Amino acid sequence: MINRTKIVLAAAAAAALLAAPASWAALSVYTQDFEALVPTDLAALSGDGFLVSGLAFDGDIVTLPPYGTFKFFYGNFPAPNGGPAFSAIATGEGGAPQGLNVLNVYSDYNCCSGTAEGHYDVTAPYDFVQSNVFHEQTIGPLDVGSTWSLKFDAKLPSAAGCNTTPASDCIAFIRTLDPNAAFAQTNFVSFDSQNGLTTAWSTHVISISLASALLNGQILQFGFQSTSQALVQGAPPLVFSNTGVFYDNIRFSNDTDADGVQDVADNCLLKANNTGAGAQCDSDADGFGNACDGDMNNNGVTNSQDYVLFRQQLGQPSVAPVYNKADINCNTVVNSQDYVLFRGLLGDPPGPSAFRGTDNSYIVTGKVSGLTGSGLVLLNNGGDNLPVATNGPFAFATGVASGAGYDVSVLTQPTSPTQTCEVYGGTNTEVVPGALPNVSVVCDPVKVSAMVSGRIAGTALVLQ
């Protein structure tokens, strides 16, 4: 059972416990379809990094809508899997895109047992309890100016779903908190799960722009919230307003290839393909855009068979909006430009994209910034050597199996000039198929040092 001792967050103490130094913070991509998590494992959600927290309000909505006056906060705690509080992995509720396991989020109906507060308040107006199930990361300097999105599938249960009454609220959210201002909320975007969902699965996206430099070092949380009040009070069992919502296929990400399309909607995650009338074109509608799909016969790899099929299309027209699949850049004709692009795809499977994964592996990707020297070599899990010559996106050639982890490190630091490059967000112990890590490799500016002798006093020193 979670210890629900009341916590009043003092700024200094909370910052020391929860805030990571901004100098080594960076947001990272998160994906979860819950298929690899065991529904009977009580630590399945906490082991995946889910946290929970709660707030209680006095229910006096006349004086202070919508929930009354704030009473207390409790959290953050590891997320439970099952029981009357917060969250559980449910089975048998998904369609084909969701699979067997999904996340069920609901109120902390156990708040606050042994007291006369929260859902155990016996005096009208009864308390509201606001319950949060979420992931938490720290915004780093490289994240400022970026936009991040939360994509998810969701539906209401056929019974005991989030009520459309004043006694319940259910949302998905992204928010930022300032640890230097008593964790004051500085941004909040949300999706209304109570009124925006039905009992059929649907897909939704919310996004947050991290434009302000003041966000560096702040906390970012993404997840799901439910707020509930007792409908009928008295001796247990009590009667509460329902808050259940099912969620699945969660993805928190940004725009890896910097083409203006968020990863959650990009059909070529590592190749910019968002210009002109043919932006994001996907001729065979397989979820992989033409720009990253040289697989003409759709057998999962781009090889000599595809080369023969491609050459047959040279010189042929390509009509919008469908386009010829051999028109890699979707400019209405299959020509020498497409030939060059196709040759760059030879030997590779299609993708990656936000919509499809070619197998039960994922590609470790990231971005390099500040690089001016030469000779930088990165490693993943102690191998898969990757030479990097320029700033921008990178991707390791070898996929990592589902359930395994990645560990990106620097094998060789750049020289001419000498630099020190550091990896941020480069380690994860277990990920799921289709996950796209957001590793940042930051190279320090070139530092010049010299020993000077024989300088004449009173003269200026100029280094060239």
Protein backbone atom coordinates (compact mmCIF):
# COMPACT_ATOMS: atom_id res chain seq x y z
CA MET A 1 0.00 0.00 0.00
CA ILE A 2 1.24 3.49 -0.81
CA ASN A 3 2.05 5.62 2.20
CA ARG A 4 -0.14 8.67 1.83
CA THR A 5 1.42 10.86 4.47
CA LYS A 6 0.53 14.46 3.65
CA ILE A 7 3.32 16.35 1.97
CA VAL A 8 3.61 20.11 1.81
CA LEU A 9 6.20 20.80 -0.86
CA ALA A 10 8.70 23.37 0.31
CA ALA A 11 10.64 24.78 -2.62
CA ALA A 12 14.14 24.06 -1.30
CA ALA A 13 13.47 20.51 -0.13
CA ALA A 14 11.48 19.57 -3.21
CA ALA A 15 14.08 20.97 -5.56
CA ALA A 16 16.79 18.96 -3.86
CA LEU A 17 14.79 15.75 -4.15
CA LEU A 18 13.24 16.06 -7.60
CA ALA A 19 15.17 18.44 -9.81
CA ALA A 20 18.06 17.24 -11.95
CA PRO A 21 20.86 19.68 -12.82
CA ALA A 22 19.99 21.35 -16.12
CA SER A 23 23.55 20.92 -17.37
CA TRP A 24 23.07 17.17 -17.85
CA ALA A 25 19.33 17.06 -18.49
CA ALA A 26 17.65 16.31 -21.79
CA LEU A 27 14.20 15.18 -22.79
CA SER A 28 14.05 11.73 -24.37
CA VAL A 29 11.58 9.90 -26.55
CA TYR A 30 9.28 7.47 -24.76
CA THR A 31 7.04 4.80 -26.29
CA GLN A 32 4.94 2.11 -24.67
CA ASP A 33 2.36 -0.37 -25.99
CA PHE A 34 2.25 -2.39 -22.71
CA GLU A 35 2.58 -5.73 -24.52
CA ALA A 36 5.90 -6.52 -22.84
CA LEU A 37 4.58 -5.66 -19.37
CA VAL A 38 3.13 -8.46 -17.24
CA PRO A 39 -0.41 -7.66 -16.02
CA THR A 40 0.08 -9.65 -12.80
CA ASP A 41 3.38 -7.94 -11.93
CA LEU A 42 2.59 -5.37 -9.24
CA ALA A 43 5.73 -3.42 -10.18
CA ALA A 44 5.18 -3.48 -13.95
CA LEU A 45 4.20 0.18 -14.27
CA SER A 46 6.64 1.54 -11.71
CA GLY A 47 9.39 -0.48 -13.38
CA ASP A 48 8.57 1.30 -16.63
CA GLY A 49 9.01 4.67 -14.91
CA PHE A 50 5.39 5.59 -14.23
CA LEU A 51 4.80 7.77 -11.17
CA VAL A 52 1.61 8.82 -9.37
CA SER A 53 0.59 11.78 -7.27
CA GLY A 54 -2.59 13.17 -5.81
CA LEU A 55 -4.21 16.39 -4.67
CA ALA A 56 -7.23 16.93 -2.44
CA PHE A 57 -9.69 19.83 -2.68
CA ASP A 58 -12.45 20.63 -0.19
CA GLY A 59 -15.33 20.30 -2.68
CA ASP A 60 -16.77 23.77 -2.03
CA ILE A 61 -17.34 24.53 -5.72
CA VAL A 62 -19.64 27.45 -4.95
CA THR A 63 -16.87 29.42 -3.29
CA LEU A 64 -14.06 28.31 -5.60
CA PRO A 65 -14.89 26.27 -8.71
CA PRO A 66 -14.20 23.79 -10.13
CA TYR A 67 -13.12 21.68 -7.13
CA GLY A 68 -12.99 24.02 -4.14
CA THR A 69 -9.99 25.10 -2.10
CA PHE A 70 -6.75 23.12 -2.35
CA LYS A 71 -6.08 21.09 0.80
CA PHE A 72 -2.94 19.01 0.30
CA PHE A 73 -0.67 17.18 -2.15
CA TYR A 74 0.83 13.69 -1.87
CA GLY A 75 3.47 12.10 -4.10
CA ASN A 76 5.44 11.37 -6.10
CA PHE A 77 5.19 7.59 -5.66
CA PRO A 78 5.91 4.60 -7.93
CA ALA A 79 2.77 3.74 -9.90
CA PRO A 80 0.84 0.70 -8.66
CA ASN A 81 -0.45 -1.97 -11.03
CA GLY A 82 -3.91 -2.98 -9.88
CA GLY A 83 -6.00 -2.32 -6.80
CA PRO A 84 -8.26 0.65 -6.02
CA ALA A 85 -5.67 3.36 -6.61
CA PHE A 86 -4.52 5.11 -9.78
CA SER A 87 -3.62 2.54 -12.42
CA ALA A 88 -3.59 -1.02 -13.72
CA ILE A 89 -2.70 -3.00 -16.82
CA ALA A 90 -5.98 -4.27 -18.28
CA THR A 91 -6.36 -7.09 -20.78
CA GLY A 92 -8.88 -7.89 -23.48
CA GLU A 93 -9.90 -4.28 -24.16
CA GLY A 94 -7.75 -3.58 -27.22
CA GLY A 95 -8.38 -3.96 -30.92
CA ALA A 96 -5.75 -5.11 -33.41
CA PRO A 97 -3.66 -1.89 -33.15
CA GLN A 98 -3.72 -2.04 -29.34
CA GLY A 99 -3.01 -5.73 -28.77
CA LEU A 100 -3.74 -7.57 -25.54
CA ASN A 101 -2.56 -5.15 -22.83
CA VAL A 102 -3.66 -1.57 -22.25
CA LEU A 103 -3.32 0.97 -19.43
CA ASN A 104 -6.34 1.65 -17.22
CA VAL A 105 -6.21 4.96 -15.34
CA TYR A 106 -8.67 5.92 -12.60
CA SER A 107 -8.97 7.87 -9.37
CA ASP A 108 -7.10 7.04 -6.18
CA TYR A 109 -10.16 5.56 -4.49
CA ASN A 110 -7.98 4.61 -1.54
CA CYS A 111 -7.33 8.22 -0.61
CA CYS A 112 -7.21 8.73 2.26
CA SER A 113 -8.03 5.60 4.19
CA GLY A 114 -7.85 6.01 7.95
CA THR A 115 -8.67 9.72 7.81
CA ALA A 116 -11.75 11.85 7.21
CA GLU A 117 -10.28 13.40 4.07
CA GLY A 118 -10.16 12.72 0.34
CA HIS A 119 -12.54 9.95 -0.67
CA TYR A 120 -13.10 9.23 3.04
CA ASP A 121 -14.49 12.71 3.74
CA VAL A 122 -17.82 12.27 5.55
CA THR A 123 -18.90 15.90 5.63
CA ALA A 124 -20.58 17.57 2.65
CA PRO A 125 -19.41 19.07 0.39
CA TYR A 126 -17.20 16.01 -0.09
CA ASP A 127 -13.58 16.33 -1.12
CA PHE A 128 -12.44 16.05 -4.71
CA VAL A 129 -9.38 13.84 -5.25
CA GLN A 130 -7.25 14.57 -8.31
CA SER A 131 -5.04 11.62 -9.32
CA ASN A 132 -2.11 11.75 -11.74
CA VAL A 133 -0.38 8.86 -13.55
CA PHE A 134 2.62 10.17 -15.44
CA HIS A 135 6.23 10.14 -16.60
CA GLU A 136 8.61 12.90 -15.57
CA GLN A 137 11.72 14.29 -17.28
CA THR A 138 13.92 17.36 -16.95
CA ILE A 139 14.15 19.95 -19.73
CA GLY A 140 17.73 20.59 -20.85
CA PRO A 141 19.32 23.49 -22.71
CA LEU A 142 19.09 21.70 -26.06
CA ASP A 143 15.34 21.24 -25.61
CA VAL A 144 14.61 24.96 -25.47
CA GLY A 145 12.97 26.02 -28.73
CA SER A 146 11.68 22.53 -29.55
CA THR A 147 8.15 21.16 -29.68
CA TRP A 148 7.20 17.83 -28.11
CA SER A 149 4.05 15.80 -28.63
CA LEU A 150 2.14 13.12 -26.74
CA LYS A 151 0.32 10.67 -29.00
CA PHE A 152 -1.96 7.99 -27.60
CA ASP A 153 -4.91 5.72 -28.30
CA ALA A 154 -7.80 5.94 -25.84
CA LYS A 155 -11.35 4.85 -25.17
CA LEU A 156 -13.92 4.83 -22.38
CA PRO A 157 -14.86 1.52 -20.75
CA SER A 158 -18.29 0.18 -21.68
CA ALA A 159 -19.13 0.34 -17.97
CA ALA A 160 -17.79 2.50 -15.13
CA GLY A 161 -16.13 4.93 -17.55
CA CYS A 162 -15.40 8.55 -16.78
CA ASN A 163 -18.81 10.07 -16.05
CA THR A 164 -19.98 13.18 -17.87
CA THR A 165 -21.06 14.75 -14.58
CA PRO A 166 -19.67 17.59 -12.47
CA ALA A 167 -18.33 14.95 -10.07
CA SER A 168 -15.68 13.63 -12.53
CA ASP A 169 -12.99 14.95 -14.88
CA CYS A 170 -10.53 12.92 -16.96
CA ILE A 171 -7.75 14.32 -19.16
CA ALA A 172 -4.43 13.57 -20.85
CA PHE A 173 -1.82 16.26 -20.25
CA ILE A 174 1.66 17.68 -20.73
CA ARG A 175 2.82 20.25 -18.20
CA THR A 176 5.96 21.97 -16.97
CA LEU A 177 6.84 22.77 -13.37
CA ASP A 178 9.45 25.19 -12.05
CA PRO A 179 11.48 23.61 -9.20
CA ASN A 180 12.87 27.04 -8.34
CA ALA A 181 9.40 28.44 -7.69
CA ALA A 182 7.92 25.77 -5.38
CA PHE A 183 7.10 23.67 -8.46
CA ALA A 184 4.68 26.22 -9.83
CA GLN A 185 3.00 25.09 -13.04
CA THR A 186 4.38 27.10 -15.97
CA ASN A 187 2.68 25.37 -18.94
CA PHE A 188 -0.29 23.05 -19.27
CA VAL A 189 -1.87 21.48 -22.37
CA SER A 190 -4.53 18.81 -22.20
CA PHE A 191 -7.03 16.62 -24.02
CA ASP A 192 -10.52 16.17 -22.57
CA SER A 193 -10.81 12.40 -22.25
CA GLN A 194 -14.18 12.65 -20.57
CA ASN A 195 -15.97 14.39 -23.43
CA GLY A 196 -13.61 13.64 -26.32
CA LEU A 197 -13.81 9.84 -26.16
CA THR A 198 -16.35 7.10 -26.79
CA THR A 199 -16.27 3.36 -26.10
CA ALA A 200 -14.45 2.90 -29.45
CA TRP A 201 -10.68 3.36 -29.72
CA SER A 202 -9.43 6.63 -31.23
CA THR A 203 -6.01 8.29 -31.60
CA HIS A 204 -5.15 11.75 -30.25
CA VAL A 205 -2.16 14.10 -30.10
CA ILE A 206 -1.35 17.06 -27.86
CA SER A 207 1.78 19.18 -28.23
CA ILE A 208 3.77 21.64 -26.14
CA SER A 209 6.16 24.32 -27.40
CA LEU A 210 9.23 24.84 -25.20
CA ALA A 211 9.99 28.29 -26.58
CA SER A 212 11.11 30.08 -23.43
CA ALA A 213 14.73 29.86 -22.27
CA LEU A 214 13.36 29.94 -18.70
CA LEU A 215 12.21 26.34 -19.18
CA ASN A 216 15.79 25.07 -19.02
CA GLY A 217 16.01 22.95 -15.86
CA GLN A 218 12.26 22.77 -15.34
CA ILE A 219 10.34 19.52 -14.90
CA LEU A 220 8.16 18.19 -17.73
CA GLN A 221 5.42 15.67 -16.96
CA PHE A 222 3.20 13.84 -19.45
CA GLY A 223 0.43 11.45 -18.58
CA PHE A 224 -3.16 11.15 -17.47
CA GLN A 225 -5.27 12.73 -14.76
CA SER A 226 -8.62 11.91 -13.19
CA THR A 227 -10.60 13.94 -10.68
CA SER A 228 -13.44 12.43 -8.68
CA GLN A 229 -15.82 13.16 -5.82
CA ALA A 230 -18.00 10.83 -3.78
CA LEU A 231 -21.58 10.67 -5.05
CA VAL A 232 -23.05 9.10 -1.93
CA GLN A 233 -21.17 9.18 1.33
CA GLY A 234 -21.49 7.08 4.47
CA ALA A 235 -19.93 3.97 5.88
CA PRO A 236 -17.86 1.94 3.38
CA PRO A 237 -18.46 0.75 0.74
CA LEU A 238 -18.68 4.31 -0.58
CA VAL A 239 -20.15 5.34 -3.93
CA PHE A 240 -17.84 7.37 -6.17
CA SER A 241 -18.15 9.00 -9.55
CA ASN A 242 -16.45 6.87 -12.20
CA THR A 243 -13.13 7.88 -13.78
CA GLY A 244 -11.91 4.87 -15.75
CA VAL A 245 -10.19 5.49 -19.11
CA PHE A 246 -8.14 3.05 -21.21
CA TYR A 247 -4.94 4.27 -22.91
CA ASP A 248 -2.47 2.54 -25.21
CA ASN A 249 0.28 3.07 -27.84
CA ILE A 250 1.72 6.03 -25.96
CA ARG A 251 4.46 8.01 -27.68
CA PHE A 252 6.17 11.16 -26.37
CA SER A 253 8.56 12.59 -28.97
CA ASN A 254 9.76 15.61 -30.93
CA ASP A 255 10.94 16.17 -34.54
CA THR A 256 14.13 14.12 -35.01
CA ASP A 257 14.79 14.96 -38.66
CA ALA A 258 13.90 18.68 -38.23
CA ASP A 259 11.51 18.72 -41.18
CA GLY A 260 8.68 20.41 -39.33
CA VAL A 261 6.65 17.23 -38.77
CA GLN A 262 6.57 15.85 -35.24
CA ASP A 263 7.76 12.25 -34.89
CA VAL A 264 4.26 11.21 -33.83
CA ALA A 265 3.02 12.07 -37.34
CA ASP A 266 6.15 11.63 -39.48
CA ASN A 267 6.29 8.74 -41.97
CA CYS A 268 10.07 9.14 -42.34
CA LEU A 269 11.59 9.82 -38.95
CA LEU A 270 15.20 10.17 -40.10
CA LYS A 271 14.80 11.70 -43.58
CA ALA A 272 13.31 15.17 -44.03
CA ASN A 273 10.36 14.88 -46.42
CA ASN A 274 8.08 17.78 -45.70
CA THR A 275 8.58 20.21 -48.58
CA GLY A 276 6.47 21.04 -51.61
CA ALA A 277 3.24 19.50 -52.79
CA GLY A 278 4.62 16.01 -52.20
CA ALA A 279 5.31 16.49 -48.49
CA GLN A 280 5.04 13.20 -46.58
CA CYS A 281 3.98 11.36 -49.74
CA ASP A 282 3.48 7.60 -49.32
CA SER A 283 2.51 6.05 -52.65
CA ASP A 284 1.65 2.58 -51.41
CA ALA A 285 0.14 3.80 -48.10
CA ASP A 286 2.25 1.34 -46.10
CA GLY A 287 3.17 3.89 -43.41
CA PHE A 288 6.66 4.52 -44.83
CA GLY A 289 7.07 7.69 -46.88
CA ASN A 290 8.68 7.40 -50.32
CA ALA A 291 11.75 9.23 -49.03
CA CYS A 292 12.64 6.30 -46.76
CA ASP A 293 11.06 3.42 -48.69
CA GLY A 294 12.97 1.92 -51.61
CA ASP A 295 11.21 -1.43 -51.14
CA MET A 296 9.39 -1.54 -54.50
CA ASN A 297 8.02 -5.07 -54.02
CA ASN A 298 7.23 -4.68 -50.30
CA ASN A 299 9.24 -7.69 -49.14
CA GLY A 300 10.88 -5.83 -46.25
CA VAL A 301 14.26 -4.93 -47.79
CA THR A 302 15.58 -2.78 -50.62
CA ASN A 303 17.68 -5.03 -52.88
CA SER A 304 18.49 -5.97 -56.50
CA GLN A 305 14.87 -6.98 -57.14
CA ASP A 306 13.75 -3.48 -56.26
CA TYR A 307 16.52 -2.03 -58.41
CA VAL A 308 15.12 -3.80 -61.48
CA LEU A 309 11.62 -2.55 -60.71
CA PHE A 310 12.89 0.98 -60.10
CA ARG A 311 14.75 1.17 -63.43
CA GLN A 312 11.56 0.22 -65.24
CA GLN A 313 9.97 3.40 -63.91
CA LEU A 314 12.74 5.82 -64.95
CA GLY A 315 11.31 8.59 -67.08
CA GLN A 316 7.73 7.77 -66.13
CA PRO A 317 5.39 10.48 -64.88
CA SER A 318 4.29 10.64 -61.27
CA VAL A 319 0.86 12.10 -60.63
CA ALA A 320 -0.09 13.80 -57.36
CA PRO A 321 -1.42 13.13 -54.83
CA VAL A 322 -0.63 9.40 -55.06
CA TYR A 323 2.68 9.65 -56.99
CA ASN A 324 4.70 6.83 -58.50
CA LYS A 325 6.44 4.84 -55.77
CA ALA A 326 9.73 5.17 -57.66
CA ASP A 327 9.37 8.96 -57.37
CA ILE A 328 11.42 9.09 -54.18
CA ASN A 329 11.31 12.88 -53.85
CA CYS A 330 7.70 13.12 -55.12
CA ASN A 331 8.36 15.87 -57.67
CA THR A 332 6.02 14.39 -60.35
CA VAL A 333 8.65 12.58 -62.42
CA VAL A 334 10.96 9.59 -61.90
CA ASN A 335 14.38 10.87 -62.94
CA SER A 336 18.09 10.89 -62.08
CA GLN A 337 17.43 12.62 -58.76
CA ASP A 338 15.32 9.66 -57.67
CA TYR A 339 18.01 7.28 -58.94
CA VAL A 340 20.57 8.84 -56.61
CA LEU A 341 18.13 8.75 -53.70
CA PHE A 342 17.16 5.13 -54.43
CA ARG A 343 20.78 3.99 -54.42
CA GLY A 344 21.08 5.49 -50.93
CA LEU A 345 18.27 3.21 -49.77
CA LEU A 346 19.74 -0.02 -51.15
CA GLY A 347 20.31 -2.66 -48.51
CA ASP A 348 18.00 -1.02 -45.99
CA PRO A 349 14.52 -1.96 -44.79
CA PRO A 350 11.85 0.71 -45.27
CA GLY A 351 11.52 3.32 -42.57
CA PRO A 352 11.71 3.98 -39.75
CA SER A 353 8.44 5.85 -39.42
CA ALA A 354 6.02 6.75 -36.68
CA PHE A 355 3.51 4.29 -38.07
CA ARG A 356 5.37 1.06 -38.74
CA GLY A 357 8.20 -1.03 -37.39
CA THR A 358 9.83 -3.58 -39.69
CA ASP A 359 10.54 -6.13 -36.95
CA ASN A 360 10.89 -6.47 -33.20
CA SER A 361 13.84 -4.11 -33.08
CA TYR A 362 14.34 -0.39 -32.93
CA ILE A 363 16.97 2.00 -34.21
CA VAL A 364 18.92 4.14 -31.78
CA THR A 365 19.02 7.70 -33.08
CA GLY A 366 19.98 11.14 -31.90
CA LYS A 367 21.54 14.46 -32.80
CA VAL A 368 25.07 15.85 -32.64
CA SER A 369 25.63 19.55 -32.01
CA GLY A 370 28.69 21.78 -31.58
CA LEU A 371 30.97 19.50 -33.61
CA THR A 372 33.80 21.31 -35.41
CA GLY A 373 36.57 18.71 -35.25
CA SER A 374 36.93 15.40 -37.07
CA GLY A 375 37.20 11.77 -36.04
CA LEU A 376 34.22 11.52 -33.66
CA VAL A 377 33.13 7.87 -33.27
CA LEU A 378 30.11 6.77 -31.23
CA LEU A 379 29.32 3.34 -29.79
CA ASN A 380 26.09 1.65 -28.85
CA ASN A 381 26.26 -1.13 -26.27
CA GLY A 382 30.03 -1.23 -26.69
CA GLY A 383 29.95 -1.81 -30.45
CA ASP A 384 28.24 -0.83 -33.73
CA ASN A 385 30.92 1.85 -34.30
CA LEU A 386 29.42 4.96 -35.89
CA PRO A 387 31.76 7.64 -37.32
CA VAL A 388 30.13 11.08 -37.22
CA ALA A 389 31.49 13.85 -39.44
CA THR A 390 28.84 16.59 -39.18
CA ASN A 391 26.26 18.07 -36.84
CA GLY A 392 22.69 16.83 -37.16
CA PRO A 393 20.79 13.54 -36.87
CA PHE A 394 22.56 10.18 -36.62
CA ALA A 395 21.36 6.57 -36.50
CA PHE A 396 23.16 3.37 -35.56
CA ALA A 397 23.02 0.68 -38.22
CA THR A 398 22.17 -2.22 -35.94
CA GLY A 399 18.73 -2.43 -34.39
CA VAL A 400 18.30 -3.42 -30.76
CA ALA A 401 15.92 -6.24 -29.87
CA SER A 402 12.66 -5.63 -28.08
CA GLY A 403 13.12 -5.64 -24.31
CA ALA A 404 16.85 -4.95 -24.58
CA GLY A 405 18.51 -1.65 -23.85
CA TYR A 406 20.89 0.82 -25.41
CA ASP A 407 23.97 2.57 -24.06
CA VAL A 408 25.46 5.25 -26.31
CA SER A 409 29.00 6.38 -25.57
CA VAL A 410 31.93 8.12 -27.23
CA LEU A 411 34.72 5.84 -28.48
CA THR A 412 36.91 8.51 -30.09
CA GLN A 413 36.82 12.21 -29.32
CA PRO A 414 37.22 14.65 -32.25
CA THR A 415 40.54 16.28 -33.08
CA SER A 416 41.68 19.11 -35.38
CA PRO A 417 40.55 20.93 -33.28
CA THR A 418 40.41 18.84 -30.12
CA GLN A 419 36.97 18.71 -28.53
CA THR A 420 35.18 16.83 -25.76
CA CYS A 421 31.78 15.45 -26.69
CA GLU A 422 29.34 14.25 -24.02
CA VAL A 423 26.25 12.05 -24.39
CA TYR A 424 22.91 13.04 -22.83
CA GLY A 425 19.93 10.70 -22.61
CA GLY A 426 22.08 7.91 -23.99
CA THR A 427 21.09 5.02 -21.73
CA ASN A 428 17.89 3.02 -21.38
CA THR A 429 17.72 -0.46 -19.87
CA GLU A 430 14.59 -1.68 -21.64
CA VAL A 431 12.57 -0.37 -24.56
CA VAL A 432 9.77 -1.67 -26.76
CA PRO A 433 9.55 -2.24 -30.54
CA GLY A 434 9.40 0.92 -32.61
CA ALA A 435 10.90 3.10 -29.88
CA LEU A 436 12.99 5.99 -31.11
CA PRO A 437 15.47 7.22 -28.49
CA ASN A 438 16.35 10.89 -28.49
CA VAL A 439 20.07 10.86 -27.68
CA SER A 440 21.93 14.17 -27.65
CA VAL A 441 25.69 14.38 -28.22
CA VAL A 442 27.02 17.81 -27.34
CA CYS A 443 30.57 18.83 -28.23
CA ASP A 444 32.15 21.60 -26.20
CA PRO A 445 33.40 24.73 -27.92
CA VAL A 446 37.08 24.67 -28.79
CA LYS A 447 39.21 25.88 -25.88
CA VAL A 448 42.55 27.52 -26.52
CA SER A 449 45.34 27.52 -23.94
CA ALA A 450 48.88 28.80 -24.26
CA MET A 451 51.91 29.63 -22.17
CA VAL A 452 53.35 33.06 -22.90
CA SER A 453 56.88 34.15 -22.01
CA GLY A 454 58.94 37.20 -22.76
CA ARG A 455 55.96 39.58 -22.83
CA ILE A 456 56.86 43.24 -22.47
CA ALA A 457 54.94 44.89 -19.62
CA GLY A 458 52.27 47.33 -20.70
CA THR A 459 51.77 45.86 -24.16
CA ALA A 460 48.63 44.17 -25.41
CA LEU A 461 48.63 40.42 -26.05
CA VAL A 462 46.88 39.25 -29.20
CA LEU A 463 46.48 35.54 -30.11
CA GLN A 464 45.92 34.69 -33.79
